[in-house]
Amino acid sequence: AIDRDRSTELPTPTPSPADGDRAYVIYTSGSSGRPKGVVVAQQSLLNLIMWHQRERGVTERDRGTQLAGLGFDATVIELWPYLTAGAAVCMPDFELPAPARQLRDWLIGQAVTVAFLPTPMTEELLAEEWPPGIALRMIFTAGDRLKCRPRAGLPFTLINDYGPAENTVAATWAIVEPRGRGYPPIGRPVCNVQTYVLDRCLRPLPVGVPGELHLGG
């Protein structure tokens, strides 16, 4: 539930981003842990769309998916990069979450080529058997820490996306290789995003030294 202000006067909103450059507003706890409304600029949305299309080779021949709840900002990356490229977006006719095998069979039957899946669904699907020669070439996942890697021989590439809603869905990404130590990484920044690992005094830290991730751009 949204906390309601007891006063009758509403605060004057600060126009940020500038009027005319607002793409959408999403409520999120984000990095602060306290729910707030975030205004996402059209410029940021356009950057995400163009990066996604270019980096993931989206064309009018692709078939994407819309599986996330409409209140989850992942719908932005599920829909707009594909619709603006003239690609198809497939929506399941069954309720989610669904058994991994049912979801796998649906992805294969719909000839989906690129799919977004929340992290828990992805981890379940990675344990399923996948036939060779299917249309699916890529699964990208986000929403939680990815705790496993794909086994060798899967017919698709797995990509781990990371980013708070304030940073327009995704801030970093990484191809997840079958081999590797520890949890899969969150990778490198999305185009036009800057990432910094800083200490408590906001000083940059060298590679391998733990710190806090700061995002810009």
N, C-alpha and C. Protein backbone atom coordinates (compact mmCIF):
# COMPACT_ATOMS: atom_id res chain seq x y z
N ALA A 1 0.84 -1.18 0.00
CA ALA A 1 0.00 0.00 0.00
C ALA A 1 0.88 1.24 0.00
N ILE A 2 0.37 2.30 -0.60
CA ILE A 2 1.10 3.56 -0.66
C ILE A 2 0.74 4.39 0.56
N ASP A 3 1.75 4.89 1.27
CA ASP A 3 1.50 5.76 2.42
C ASP A 3 0.87 7.05 1.94
N ARG A 4 -0.17 7.47 2.62
CA ARG A 4 -0.86 8.69 2.24
C ARG A 4 -0.43 9.84 3.16
N ASP A 5 -0.19 10.99 2.57
CA ASP A 5 0.19 12.17 3.33
C ASP A 5 -1.02 12.65 4.13
N ARG A 6 -0.82 12.92 5.43
CA ARG A 6 -1.93 13.35 6.26
C ARG A 6 -2.35 14.78 5.94
N SER A 7 -1.47 15.58 5.37
CA SER A 7 -1.80 16.97 5.08
C SER A 7 -2.67 17.07 3.84
N THR A 8 -3.38 18.18 3.71
CA THR A 8 -4.23 18.39 2.54
C THR A 8 -3.47 19.06 1.41
N GLU A 9 -2.29 19.62 1.71
CA GLU A 9 -1.49 20.26 0.68
C GLU A 9 -0.54 19.27 0.04
N LEU A 10 -0.50 19.28 -1.27
CA LEU A 10 0.41 18.41 -1.99
C LEU A 10 1.70 19.17 -2.28
N PRO A 11 2.85 18.53 -2.15
CA PRO A 11 4.10 19.22 -2.45
C PRO A 11 4.20 19.54 -3.94
N THR A 12 4.85 20.63 -4.26
CA THR A 12 5.06 20.99 -5.66
C THR A 12 6.07 20.04 -6.27
N PRO A 13 5.69 19.33 -7.36
CA PRO A 13 6.61 18.35 -7.95
C PRO A 13 7.79 19.03 -8.63
N THR A 14 8.93 18.42 -8.52
CA THR A 14 10.11 18.90 -9.22
C THR A 14 10.17 18.26 -10.60
N PRO A 15 10.14 19.04 -11.67
CA PRO A 15 10.11 18.46 -13.02
C PRO A 15 11.44 17.87 -13.42
N SER A 16 11.64 16.60 -13.14
CA SER A 16 12.87 15.92 -13.50
C SER A 16 12.54 14.51 -13.92
N PRO A 17 12.83 14.08 -15.14
CA PRO A 17 13.39 14.86 -16.23
C PRO A 17 12.46 15.99 -16.69
N ALA A 18 12.97 16.79 -17.62
CA ALA A 18 12.23 17.95 -18.09
C ALA A 18 10.90 17.54 -18.71
N ASP A 19 9.91 18.43 -18.58
CA ASP A 19 8.61 18.17 -19.19
C ASP A 19 8.80 17.85 -20.67
N GLY A 20 8.06 16.85 -21.14
CA GLY A 20 8.16 16.45 -22.54
C GLY A 20 9.14 15.32 -22.77
N ASP A 21 9.97 15.00 -21.76
CA ASP A 21 10.95 13.92 -21.91
C ASP A 21 10.64 12.77 -20.96
N ARG A 22 9.40 12.65 -20.53
CA ARG A 22 9.03 11.61 -19.59
C ARG A 22 8.43 10.42 -20.33
N ALA A 23 9.05 9.27 -20.18
CA ALA A 23 8.56 8.06 -20.85
C ALA A 23 7.56 7.32 -19.98
N TYR A 24 7.90 7.10 -18.70
CA TYR A 24 6.99 6.42 -17.78
C TYR A 24 7.45 6.66 -16.35
N VAL A 25 6.56 6.36 -15.43
CA VAL A 25 6.86 6.43 -14.00
C VAL A 25 6.69 5.03 -13.43
N ILE A 26 7.65 4.57 -12.63
CA ILE A 26 7.56 3.26 -12.01
C ILE A 26 7.88 3.39 -10.53
N TYR A 27 7.13 2.65 -9.70
CA TYR A 27 7.38 2.67 -8.27
C TYR A 27 8.30 1.51 -7.89
N THR A 28 9.32 1.83 -7.12
CA THR A 28 10.35 0.84 -6.79
C THR A 28 11.01 1.21 -5.48
N SER A 29 11.50 0.21 -4.76
CA SER A 29 12.31 0.49 -3.58
C SER A 29 13.75 0.77 -3.99
N GLY A 30 14.15 0.17 -5.11
CA GLY A 30 15.46 0.46 -5.68
C GLY A 30 16.59 0.31 -4.69
N SER A 31 17.57 1.18 -4.79
CA SER A 31 18.75 1.08 -3.94
C SER A 31 18.52 1.64 -2.55
N SER A 32 17.45 2.42 -2.35
CA SER A 32 17.23 3.06 -1.06
C SER A 32 16.50 2.17 -0.07
N GLY A 33 15.75 1.17 -0.56
CA GLY A 33 14.95 0.33 0.31
C GLY A 33 13.62 0.95 0.71
N ARG A 34 13.36 2.18 0.26
CA ARG A 34 12.09 2.86 0.54
C ARG A 34 11.35 3.10 -0.77
N PRO A 35 10.07 2.70 -0.86
CA PRO A 35 9.33 2.85 -2.12
C PRO A 35 9.28 4.31 -2.57
N LYS A 36 9.44 4.50 -3.85
CA LYS A 36 9.39 5.85 -4.42
C LYS A 36 9.03 5.75 -5.89
N GLY A 37 8.48 6.83 -6.42
CA GLY A 37 8.19 6.89 -7.84
C GLY A 37 9.40 7.41 -8.60
N VAL A 38 9.76 6.72 -9.68
CA VAL A 38 10.92 7.10 -10.49
C VAL A 38 10.44 7.50 -11.87
N VAL A 39 10.81 8.69 -12.30
CA VAL A 39 10.49 9.17 -13.65
C VAL A 39 11.61 8.77 -14.58
N VAL A 40 11.29 7.99 -15.61
CA VAL A 40 12.29 7.54 -16.59
C VAL A 40 12.13 8.37 -17.86
N ALA A 41 13.22 8.91 -18.33
CA ALA A 41 13.20 9.79 -19.49
C ALA A 41 13.12 9.02 -20.80
N GLN A 42 12.51 9.63 -21.80
CA GLN A 42 12.45 9.02 -23.12
C GLN A 42 13.85 8.78 -23.68
N GLN A 43 14.77 9.69 -23.40
CA GLN A 43 16.14 9.53 -23.87
C GLN A 43 16.76 8.25 -23.32
N SER A 44 16.50 7.96 -22.04
CA SER A 44 17.02 6.74 -21.43
C SER A 44 16.38 5.50 -22.03
N LEU A 45 15.06 5.57 -22.26
CA LEU A 45 14.35 4.44 -22.87
C LEU A 45 14.87 4.19 -24.28
N LEU A 46 15.06 5.24 -25.05
CA LEU A 46 15.57 5.09 -26.41
C LEU A 46 16.96 4.48 -26.40
N ASN A 47 17.80 4.89 -25.46
CA ASN A 47 19.14 4.31 -25.35
C ASN A 47 19.06 2.81 -25.10
N LEU A 48 18.16 2.40 -24.19
CA LEU A 48 18.00 0.98 -23.88
C LEU A 48 17.53 0.20 -25.10
N ILE A 49 16.55 0.75 -25.82
CA ILE A 49 16.00 0.06 -27.00
C ILE A 49 17.09 -0.13 -28.05
N MET A 50 17.81 0.93 -28.36
CA MET A 50 18.82 0.86 -29.43
C MET A 50 19.97 -0.06 -29.03
N TRP A 51 20.39 0.01 -27.75
CA TRP A 51 21.44 -0.90 -27.29
C TRP A 51 20.99 -2.35 -27.40
N HIS A 52 19.78 -2.65 -26.94
CA HIS A 52 19.28 -4.02 -26.94
C HIS A 52 19.18 -4.55 -28.37
N GLN A 53 18.66 -3.75 -29.27
CA GLN A 53 18.53 -4.20 -30.66
C GLN A 53 19.89 -4.46 -31.28
N ARG A 54 20.84 -3.56 -31.03
CA ARG A 54 22.16 -3.70 -31.64
C ARG A 54 22.94 -4.85 -31.01
N GLU A 55 22.98 -4.92 -29.68
CA GLU A 55 23.81 -5.91 -28.99
C GLU A 55 23.26 -7.32 -29.15
N ARG A 56 21.94 -7.44 -29.26
CA ARG A 56 21.32 -8.76 -29.32
C ARG A 56 20.76 -9.10 -30.69
N GLY A 57 21.10 -8.26 -31.66
CA GLY A 57 20.78 -8.57 -33.05
C GLY A 57 19.31 -8.73 -33.33
N VAL A 58 18.47 -7.90 -32.72
CA VAL A 58 17.02 -8.02 -32.90
C VAL A 58 16.63 -7.48 -34.27
N THR A 59 15.86 -8.27 -35.03
CA THR A 59 15.34 -7.86 -36.33
C THR A 59 13.86 -8.22 -36.40
N GLU A 60 13.24 -7.87 -37.54
CA GLU A 60 11.82 -8.17 -37.73
C GLU A 60 11.55 -9.67 -37.79
N ARG A 61 12.57 -10.48 -37.94
CA ARG A 61 12.38 -11.93 -38.00
C ARG A 61 12.32 -12.58 -36.61
N ASP A 62 12.62 -11.81 -35.56
CA ASP A 62 12.64 -12.38 -34.21
C ASP A 62 11.24 -12.54 -33.64
N ARG A 63 11.16 -13.43 -32.65
CA ARG A 63 9.94 -13.65 -31.88
C ARG A 63 10.33 -13.59 -30.40
N GLY A 64 9.93 -12.48 -29.75
CA GLY A 64 10.22 -12.29 -28.34
C GLY A 64 9.09 -12.79 -27.46
N THR A 65 9.18 -12.50 -26.16
CA THR A 65 8.16 -12.94 -25.22
C THR A 65 7.76 -11.80 -24.30
N GLN A 66 6.54 -11.87 -23.77
CA GLN A 66 6.10 -10.96 -22.72
C GLN A 66 5.61 -11.83 -21.58
N LEU A 67 6.50 -12.08 -20.62
CA LEU A 67 6.21 -12.99 -19.52
C LEU A 67 6.18 -12.30 -18.16
N ALA A 68 6.84 -11.16 -18.03
CA ALA A 68 6.90 -10.47 -16.75
C ALA A 68 5.56 -9.80 -16.44
N GLY A 69 5.28 -9.62 -15.15
CA GLY A 69 4.09 -8.88 -14.74
C GLY A 69 4.18 -7.44 -15.21
N LEU A 70 3.02 -6.83 -15.50
CA LEU A 70 3.02 -5.48 -16.06
C LEU A 70 3.57 -4.44 -15.09
N GLY A 71 3.62 -4.76 -13.79
CA GLY A 71 4.20 -3.83 -12.84
C GLY A 71 5.71 -3.95 -12.71
N PHE A 72 6.30 -4.87 -13.44
CA PHE A 72 7.74 -5.12 -13.41
C PHE A 72 8.36 -4.40 -14.59
N ASP A 73 9.43 -3.63 -14.35
CA ASP A 73 9.98 -2.83 -15.45
C ASP A 73 10.60 -3.66 -16.56
N ALA A 74 10.72 -4.98 -16.34
CA ALA A 74 11.23 -5.84 -17.41
C ALA A 74 10.33 -5.82 -18.64
N THR A 75 9.05 -5.47 -18.46
CA THR A 75 8.16 -5.41 -19.64
C THR A 75 8.66 -4.38 -20.65
N VAL A 76 9.37 -3.36 -20.17
CA VAL A 76 9.91 -2.34 -21.08
C VAL A 76 10.88 -2.96 -22.08
N ILE A 77 11.76 -3.84 -21.58
CA ILE A 77 12.76 -4.45 -22.46
C ILE A 77 12.18 -5.65 -23.21
N GLU A 78 11.06 -6.19 -22.72
CA GLU A 78 10.39 -7.28 -23.43
C GLU A 78 9.64 -6.76 -24.65
N LEU A 79 9.08 -5.58 -24.56
CA LEU A 79 8.18 -5.09 -25.61
C LEU A 79 8.84 -4.16 -26.62
N TRP A 80 9.40 -3.04 -26.13
CA TRP A 80 9.77 -1.98 -27.05
C TRP A 80 10.90 -2.31 -28.02
N PRO A 81 11.96 -3.02 -27.62
CA PRO A 81 12.99 -3.35 -28.62
C PRO A 81 12.45 -4.22 -29.76
N TYR A 82 11.42 -4.99 -29.48
CA TYR A 82 10.89 -5.92 -30.50
C TYR A 82 9.81 -5.25 -31.34
N LEU A 83 8.89 -4.54 -30.70
CA LEU A 83 7.83 -3.89 -31.47
C LEU A 83 8.40 -2.81 -32.39
N THR A 84 9.40 -2.06 -31.92
CA THR A 84 9.98 -1.02 -32.76
C THR A 84 10.85 -1.58 -33.88
N ALA A 85 11.22 -2.86 -33.78
CA ALA A 85 11.98 -3.51 -34.85
C ALA A 85 11.06 -4.27 -35.81
N GLY A 86 9.76 -4.28 -35.51
CA GLY A 86 8.82 -5.03 -36.35
C GLY A 86 8.78 -6.51 -36.04
N ALA A 87 9.35 -6.91 -34.90
CA ALA A 87 9.36 -8.32 -34.51
C ALA A 87 8.05 -8.68 -33.81
N ALA A 88 7.83 -9.98 -33.62
CA ALA A 88 6.64 -10.46 -32.93
C ALA A 88 6.91 -10.58 -31.44
N VAL A 89 5.88 -10.44 -30.63
CA VAL A 89 5.95 -10.66 -29.19
C VAL A 89 4.90 -11.70 -28.82
N CYS A 90 5.33 -12.81 -28.24
CA CYS A 90 4.43 -13.92 -27.90
C CYS A 90 4.05 -13.83 -26.42
N MET A 91 2.76 -14.08 -26.15
CA MET A 91 2.25 -14.05 -24.78
C MET A 91 1.61 -15.40 -24.49
N PRO A 92 1.94 -16.04 -23.37
CA PRO A 92 1.40 -17.37 -23.07
C PRO A 92 -0.09 -17.31 -22.76
N ASP A 93 -0.79 -18.40 -23.05
CA ASP A 93 -2.21 -18.50 -22.75
C ASP A 93 -2.46 -19.28 -21.47
N PHE A 94 -1.42 -19.37 -20.60
CA PHE A 94 -1.54 -20.03 -19.32
C PHE A 94 -0.96 -19.12 -18.25
N GLU A 95 -1.32 -19.39 -16.99
CA GLU A 95 -0.88 -18.53 -15.90
C GLU A 95 0.57 -18.83 -15.52
N LEU A 96 1.26 -17.79 -15.12
CA LEU A 96 2.63 -17.90 -14.63
C LEU A 96 2.66 -17.59 -13.14
N PRO A 97 3.57 -18.20 -12.39
CA PRO A 97 4.60 -19.15 -12.84
C PRO A 97 4.00 -20.50 -13.21
N ALA A 98 4.65 -21.15 -14.17
CA ALA A 98 4.20 -22.44 -14.67
C ALA A 98 5.33 -23.45 -14.51
N PRO A 99 5.02 -24.75 -14.56
CA PRO A 99 6.10 -25.75 -14.51
C PRO A 99 7.13 -25.50 -15.61
N ALA A 100 8.38 -25.73 -15.28
CA ALA A 100 9.47 -25.45 -16.23
C ALA A 100 9.27 -26.19 -17.54
N ARG A 101 8.81 -27.43 -17.47
CA ARG A 101 8.64 -28.21 -18.71
C ARG A 101 7.55 -27.61 -19.59
N GLN A 102 6.47 -27.11 -18.99
CA GLN A 102 5.41 -26.48 -19.77
C GLN A 102 5.92 -25.22 -20.45
N LEU A 103 6.69 -24.42 -19.71
CA LEU A 103 7.23 -23.20 -20.28
C LEU A 103 8.22 -23.51 -21.39
N ARG A 104 9.06 -24.52 -21.18
CA ARG A 104 10.01 -24.93 -22.23
C ARG A 104 9.27 -25.34 -23.49
N ASP A 105 8.24 -26.16 -23.36
CA ASP A 105 7.49 -26.64 -24.53
C ASP A 105 6.79 -25.48 -25.23
N TRP A 106 6.33 -24.50 -24.46
CA TRP A 106 5.69 -23.33 -25.08
C TRP A 106 6.70 -22.51 -25.87
N LEU A 107 7.87 -22.28 -25.31
CA LEU A 107 8.91 -21.53 -26.02
C LEU A 107 9.29 -22.22 -27.32
N ILE A 108 9.39 -23.54 -27.29
CA ILE A 108 9.74 -24.28 -28.50
C ILE A 108 8.59 -24.24 -29.50
N GLY A 109 7.37 -24.47 -29.01
CA GLY A 109 6.21 -24.51 -29.90
C GLY A 109 5.92 -23.17 -30.56
N GLN A 110 6.21 -22.06 -29.88
CA GLN A 110 5.99 -20.73 -30.43
C GLN A 110 7.15 -20.25 -31.30
N ALA A 111 8.18 -21.07 -31.43
CA ALA A 111 9.37 -20.70 -32.19
C ALA A 111 9.96 -19.38 -31.71
N VAL A 112 9.95 -19.19 -30.38
CA VAL A 112 10.53 -17.99 -29.79
C VAL A 112 12.04 -17.99 -30.04
N THR A 113 12.57 -16.83 -30.41
CA THR A 113 14.00 -16.71 -30.69
C THR A 113 14.78 -16.05 -29.55
N VAL A 114 14.14 -15.08 -28.87
CA VAL A 114 14.78 -14.38 -27.75
C VAL A 114 13.75 -14.25 -26.64
N ALA A 115 14.11 -14.68 -25.43
CA ALA A 115 13.16 -14.65 -24.33
C ALA A 115 13.77 -14.03 -23.09
N PHE A 116 12.99 -13.17 -22.41
CA PHE A 116 13.36 -12.73 -21.08
C PHE A 116 12.64 -13.61 -20.07
N LEU A 117 13.38 -14.03 -19.03
CA LEU A 117 12.80 -14.82 -17.96
C LEU A 117 13.34 -14.33 -16.63
N PRO A 118 12.48 -14.14 -15.62
CA PRO A 118 13.00 -13.82 -14.28
C PRO A 118 13.96 -14.90 -13.81
N THR A 119 14.88 -14.52 -12.95
CA THR A 119 15.95 -15.43 -12.53
C THR A 119 15.46 -16.78 -12.03
N PRO A 120 14.46 -16.86 -11.14
CA PRO A 120 14.04 -18.19 -10.66
C PRO A 120 13.54 -19.09 -11.79
N MET A 121 12.79 -18.54 -12.75
CA MET A 121 12.32 -19.33 -13.90
C MET A 121 13.49 -19.81 -14.74
N THR A 122 14.46 -18.94 -14.93
CA THR A 122 15.63 -19.30 -15.73
C THR A 122 16.37 -20.47 -15.10
N GLU A 123 16.57 -20.41 -13.79
CA GLU A 123 17.31 -21.49 -13.11
C GLU A 123 16.58 -22.82 -13.24
N GLU A 124 15.25 -22.81 -13.23
CA GLU A 124 14.49 -24.04 -13.41
C GLU A 124 14.62 -24.55 -14.85
N LEU A 125 14.54 -23.64 -15.82
CA LEU A 125 14.63 -24.04 -17.22
C LEU A 125 16.00 -24.60 -17.57
N LEU A 126 17.05 -24.10 -16.93
CA LEU A 126 18.40 -24.59 -17.22
C LEU A 126 18.56 -26.06 -16.86
N ALA A 127 17.72 -26.54 -15.95
CA ALA A 127 17.80 -27.94 -15.54
C ALA A 127 17.05 -28.88 -16.49
N GLU A 128 16.26 -28.31 -17.40
CA GLU A 128 15.49 -29.13 -18.34
C GLU A 128 16.36 -29.60 -19.51
N GLU A 129 15.89 -30.65 -20.17
CA GLU A 129 16.53 -31.11 -21.40
C GLU A 129 16.01 -30.29 -22.58
N TRP A 130 16.90 -29.89 -23.47
CA TRP A 130 16.53 -29.07 -24.62
C TRP A 130 16.95 -29.78 -25.90
N PRO A 131 16.03 -29.95 -26.86
CA PRO A 131 16.39 -30.60 -28.12
C PRO A 131 17.24 -29.66 -28.98
N PRO A 132 18.09 -30.19 -29.83
CA PRO A 132 18.87 -29.33 -30.73
C PRO A 132 17.98 -28.81 -31.86
N GLY A 133 18.45 -27.76 -32.52
CA GLY A 133 17.76 -27.27 -33.71
C GLY A 133 16.54 -26.43 -33.45
N ILE A 134 16.34 -25.93 -32.21
CA ILE A 134 15.17 -25.10 -31.93
C ILE A 134 15.45 -23.66 -32.33
N ALA A 135 14.38 -22.86 -32.39
CA ALA A 135 14.52 -21.46 -32.81
C ALA A 135 15.18 -20.60 -31.74
N LEU A 136 15.02 -20.96 -30.48
CA LEU A 136 15.52 -20.15 -29.37
C LEU A 136 17.04 -20.01 -29.43
N ARG A 137 17.50 -18.77 -29.54
CA ARG A 137 18.94 -18.52 -29.62
C ARG A 137 19.48 -17.82 -28.39
N MET A 138 18.57 -17.24 -27.57
CA MET A 138 19.05 -16.45 -26.44
C MET A 138 17.99 -16.36 -25.35
N ILE A 139 18.41 -16.55 -24.10
CA ILE A 139 17.59 -16.22 -22.93
C ILE A 139 18.35 -15.18 -22.14
N PHE A 140 17.70 -14.08 -21.82
CA PHE A 140 18.33 -13.13 -20.91
C PHE A 140 17.47 -13.03 -19.65
N THR A 141 18.15 -12.90 -18.53
CA THR A 141 17.49 -13.00 -17.24
C THR A 141 17.90 -11.86 -16.33
N ALA A 142 17.03 -11.54 -15.36
CA ALA A 142 17.30 -10.48 -14.38
C ALA A 142 16.29 -10.62 -13.26
N GLY A 143 16.49 -9.83 -12.22
CA GLY A 143 15.54 -9.77 -11.13
C GLY A 143 16.08 -10.28 -9.81
N ASP A 144 17.10 -11.13 -9.86
CA ASP A 144 17.69 -11.68 -8.64
C ASP A 144 19.10 -12.15 -8.97
N ARG A 145 19.85 -12.52 -7.95
CA ARG A 145 21.20 -13.04 -8.18
C ARG A 145 21.11 -14.41 -8.85
N LEU A 146 21.77 -14.54 -9.99
CA LEU A 146 21.81 -15.82 -10.69
C LEU A 146 22.80 -16.73 -9.99
N LYS A 147 22.33 -17.93 -9.59
CA LYS A 147 23.15 -18.79 -8.75
C LYS A 147 23.70 -20.01 -9.48
N CYS A 148 23.42 -20.15 -10.76
CA CYS A 148 23.93 -21.31 -11.49
C CYS A 148 24.33 -20.92 -12.89
N ARG A 149 25.05 -21.82 -13.54
CA ARG A 149 25.50 -21.60 -14.91
C ARG A 149 24.86 -22.63 -15.83
N PRO A 150 24.76 -22.31 -17.12
CA PRO A 150 24.22 -23.30 -18.05
C PRO A 150 25.22 -24.43 -18.27
N ARG A 151 24.72 -25.61 -18.47
CA ARG A 151 25.62 -26.71 -18.79
C ARG A 151 26.04 -26.60 -20.26
N ALA A 152 27.14 -27.19 -20.60
CA ALA A 152 27.63 -27.15 -21.97
C ALA A 152 26.66 -27.87 -22.90
N GLY A 153 26.53 -27.35 -24.11
CA GLY A 153 25.72 -28.01 -25.11
C GLY A 153 24.30 -27.50 -25.25
N LEU A 154 23.88 -26.53 -24.43
CA LEU A 154 22.54 -25.98 -24.59
C LEU A 154 22.45 -25.22 -25.92
N PRO A 155 21.28 -25.24 -26.58
CA PRO A 155 21.18 -24.64 -27.91
C PRO A 155 21.00 -23.13 -27.90
N PHE A 156 21.08 -22.49 -26.75
CA PHE A 156 20.90 -21.04 -26.67
C PHE A 156 21.98 -20.43 -25.77
N THR A 157 22.17 -19.11 -25.91
CA THR A 157 23.09 -18.36 -25.07
C THR A 157 22.33 -17.79 -23.88
N LEU A 158 22.95 -17.82 -22.71
CA LEU A 158 22.36 -17.25 -21.50
C LEU A 158 23.05 -15.93 -21.18
N ILE A 159 22.25 -14.89 -20.94
CA ILE A 159 22.78 -13.56 -20.63
C ILE A 159 22.20 -13.11 -19.29
N ASN A 160 23.07 -12.63 -18.42
CA ASN A 160 22.67 -12.15 -17.10
C ASN A 160 22.66 -10.62 -17.12
N ASP A 161 21.46 -10.04 -16.99
CA ASP A 161 21.31 -8.58 -16.93
C ASP A 161 21.17 -8.14 -15.47
N TYR A 162 21.63 -6.92 -15.21
CA TYR A 162 21.49 -6.36 -13.86
C TYR A 162 21.19 -4.88 -13.97
N GLY A 163 20.35 -4.38 -13.06
CA GLY A 163 20.14 -2.94 -13.00
C GLY A 163 18.92 -2.58 -12.18
N PRO A 164 19.01 -1.53 -11.37
CA PRO A 164 17.84 -1.04 -10.65
C PRO A 164 16.90 -0.28 -11.59
N ALA A 165 15.63 -0.19 -11.20
CA ALA A 165 14.64 0.47 -12.05
C ALA A 165 15.01 1.92 -12.36
N GLU A 166 15.70 2.57 -11.41
CA GLU A 166 16.09 3.97 -11.64
C GLU A 166 17.00 4.13 -12.84
N ASN A 167 17.69 3.06 -13.21
CA ASN A 167 18.66 3.13 -14.30
C ASN A 167 18.10 2.58 -15.61
N THR A 168 16.76 2.57 -15.72
CA THR A 168 16.08 2.14 -16.95
C THR A 168 16.36 0.67 -17.26
N VAL A 169 15.86 -0.20 -16.39
CA VAL A 169 15.79 -1.66 -16.55
C VAL A 169 17.15 -2.33 -16.37
N ALA A 170 18.09 -2.06 -17.28
CA ALA A 170 19.37 -2.77 -17.25
C ALA A 170 20.53 -1.78 -17.23
N ALA A 171 21.51 -2.05 -16.39
CA ALA A 171 22.71 -1.21 -16.32
C ALA A 171 23.95 -1.97 -16.75
N THR A 172 23.99 -3.29 -16.50
CA THR A 172 25.13 -4.11 -16.90
C THR A 172 24.62 -5.43 -17.47
N TRP A 173 25.50 -6.14 -18.15
CA TRP A 173 25.12 -7.43 -18.73
C TRP A 173 26.35 -8.29 -18.92
N ALA A 174 26.13 -9.61 -18.96
CA ALA A 174 27.23 -10.55 -19.15
C ALA A 174 26.72 -11.82 -19.80
N ILE A 175 27.47 -12.34 -20.76
CA ILE A 175 27.21 -13.69 -21.27
C ILE A 175 27.70 -14.68 -20.22
N VAL A 176 26.83 -15.62 -19.85
CA VAL A 176 27.17 -16.59 -18.80
C VAL A 176 27.74 -17.84 -19.46
N GLU A 177 29.00 -18.10 -19.20
CA GLU A 177 29.66 -19.27 -19.77
C GLU A 177 29.40 -20.50 -18.90
N PRO A 178 29.41 -21.70 -19.51
CA PRO A 178 29.20 -22.92 -18.72
C PRO A 178 30.25 -23.12 -17.64
N ARG A 179 31.47 -22.77 -17.95
CA ARG A 179 32.55 -22.95 -16.98
C ARG A 179 32.84 -21.63 -16.28
N GLY A 180 33.20 -21.73 -15.01
CA GLY A 180 33.53 -20.54 -14.25
C GLY A 180 33.42 -20.82 -12.77
N ARG A 181 34.06 -19.99 -11.97
CA ARG A 181 34.04 -20.16 -10.52
C ARG A 181 33.09 -19.15 -9.90
N GLY A 182 32.35 -19.59 -8.90
CA GLY A 182 31.46 -18.69 -8.18
C GLY A 182 30.21 -18.35 -8.96
N TYR A 183 29.47 -17.39 -8.44
CA TYR A 183 28.25 -16.95 -9.12
C TYR A 183 28.59 -16.28 -10.46
N PRO A 184 27.71 -16.38 -11.44
CA PRO A 184 27.94 -15.68 -12.70
C PRO A 184 28.06 -14.17 -12.47
N PRO A 185 28.89 -13.49 -13.23
CA PRO A 185 29.09 -12.05 -13.03
C PRO A 185 27.92 -11.24 -13.61
N ILE A 186 27.86 -9.94 -13.22
CA ILE A 186 26.88 -9.04 -13.83
C ILE A 186 27.50 -8.31 -15.01
N GLY A 187 28.78 -8.47 -15.25
CA GLY A 187 29.38 -8.06 -16.51
C GLY A 187 29.77 -6.60 -16.62
N ARG A 188 29.61 -6.10 -17.84
CA ARG A 188 30.06 -4.75 -18.17
C ARG A 188 28.86 -3.83 -18.41
N PRO A 189 29.09 -2.51 -18.45
CA PRO A 189 27.97 -1.58 -18.55
C PRO A 189 27.27 -1.63 -19.91
N VAL A 190 25.98 -1.34 -19.87
CA VAL A 190 25.22 -1.07 -21.08
C VAL A 190 25.77 0.20 -21.72
N CYS A 191 25.59 0.34 -23.01
CA CYS A 191 26.06 1.53 -23.73
C CYS A 191 25.53 2.81 -23.06
N ASN A 192 26.42 3.78 -22.87
CA ASN A 192 26.10 5.08 -22.27
C ASN A 192 25.79 5.00 -20.78
N VAL A 193 26.17 3.91 -20.12
CA VAL A 193 26.07 3.79 -18.67
C VAL A 193 27.48 3.68 -18.11
N GLN A 194 27.72 4.33 -16.98
CA GLN A 194 29.03 4.24 -16.31
C GLN A 194 28.87 3.48 -14.99
N THR A 195 29.82 2.63 -14.68
CA THR A 195 29.80 1.89 -13.42
C THR A 195 31.10 2.16 -12.66
N TYR A 196 30.99 2.34 -11.35
CA TYR A 196 32.15 2.61 -10.51
C TYR A 196 32.03 1.78 -9.24
N VAL A 197 33.10 1.16 -8.82
CA VAL A 197 33.15 0.50 -7.51
C VAL A 197 33.94 1.42 -6.58
N LEU A 198 33.24 1.95 -5.54
CA LEU A 198 33.81 2.97 -4.69
C LEU A 198 33.82 2.52 -3.24
N ASP A 199 34.69 3.16 -2.44
CA ASP A 199 34.70 2.90 -1.00
C ASP A 199 33.74 3.87 -0.31
N ARG A 200 33.74 3.87 1.03
CA ARG A 200 32.79 4.71 1.77
C ARG A 200 33.01 6.19 1.55
N CYS A 201 34.21 6.56 1.16
CA CYS A 201 34.53 7.97 0.90
C CYS A 201 34.41 8.31 -0.58
N LEU A 202 33.77 7.42 -1.34
CA LEU A 202 33.53 7.61 -2.77
C LEU A 202 34.83 7.66 -3.57
N ARG A 203 35.81 6.90 -3.12
CA ARG A 203 37.07 6.80 -3.86
C ARG A 203 37.08 5.50 -4.66
N PRO A 204 37.55 5.55 -5.91
CA PRO A 204 37.59 4.34 -6.74
C PRO A 204 38.48 3.27 -6.12
N LEU A 205 38.06 2.02 -6.26
CA LEU A 205 38.81 0.90 -5.71
C LEU A 205 39.44 0.09 -6.83
N PRO A 206 40.57 -0.53 -6.56
CA PRO A 206 41.22 -1.35 -7.60
C PRO A 206 40.47 -2.65 -7.83
N VAL A 207 40.78 -3.29 -8.94
CA VAL A 207 40.15 -4.56 -9.30
C VAL A 207 40.37 -5.58 -8.19
N GLY A 208 39.28 -6.27 -7.82
CA GLY A 208 39.37 -7.32 -6.81
C GLY A 208 39.09 -6.88 -5.39
N VAL A 209 38.97 -5.57 -5.17
CA VAL A 209 38.69 -5.05 -3.83
C VAL A 209 37.19 -4.78 -3.71
N PRO A 210 36.51 -5.36 -2.71
CA PRO A 210 35.06 -5.14 -2.56
C PRO A 210 34.73 -3.68 -2.26
N GLY A 211 33.61 -3.24 -2.79
CA GLY A 211 33.13 -1.89 -2.53
C GLY A 211 31.65 -1.80 -2.88
N GLU A 212 31.19 -0.58 -3.07
CA GLU A 212 29.79 -0.36 -3.42
C GLU A 212 29.70 0.08 -4.88
N LEU A 213 28.73 -0.48 -5.60
CA LEU A 213 28.56 -0.17 -7.02
C LEU A 213 27.78 1.12 -7.18
N HIS A 214 28.32 2.06 -7.93
CA HIS A 214 27.65 3.31 -8.26
C HIS A 214 27.43 3.37 -9.76
N LEU A 215 26.26 3.83 -10.15
CA LEU A 215 25.89 3.86 -11.56
C LEU A 215 25.63 5.29 -12.01
N GLY A 216 25.97 5.58 -13.25
CA GLY A 216 25.71 6.90 -13.82
C GLY A 216 25.41 6.78 -15.30
N GLY A 217 25.12 7.94 -15.91
CA GLY A 217 24.86 7.94 -17.35
C GLY A 217 23.39 8.05 -17.65
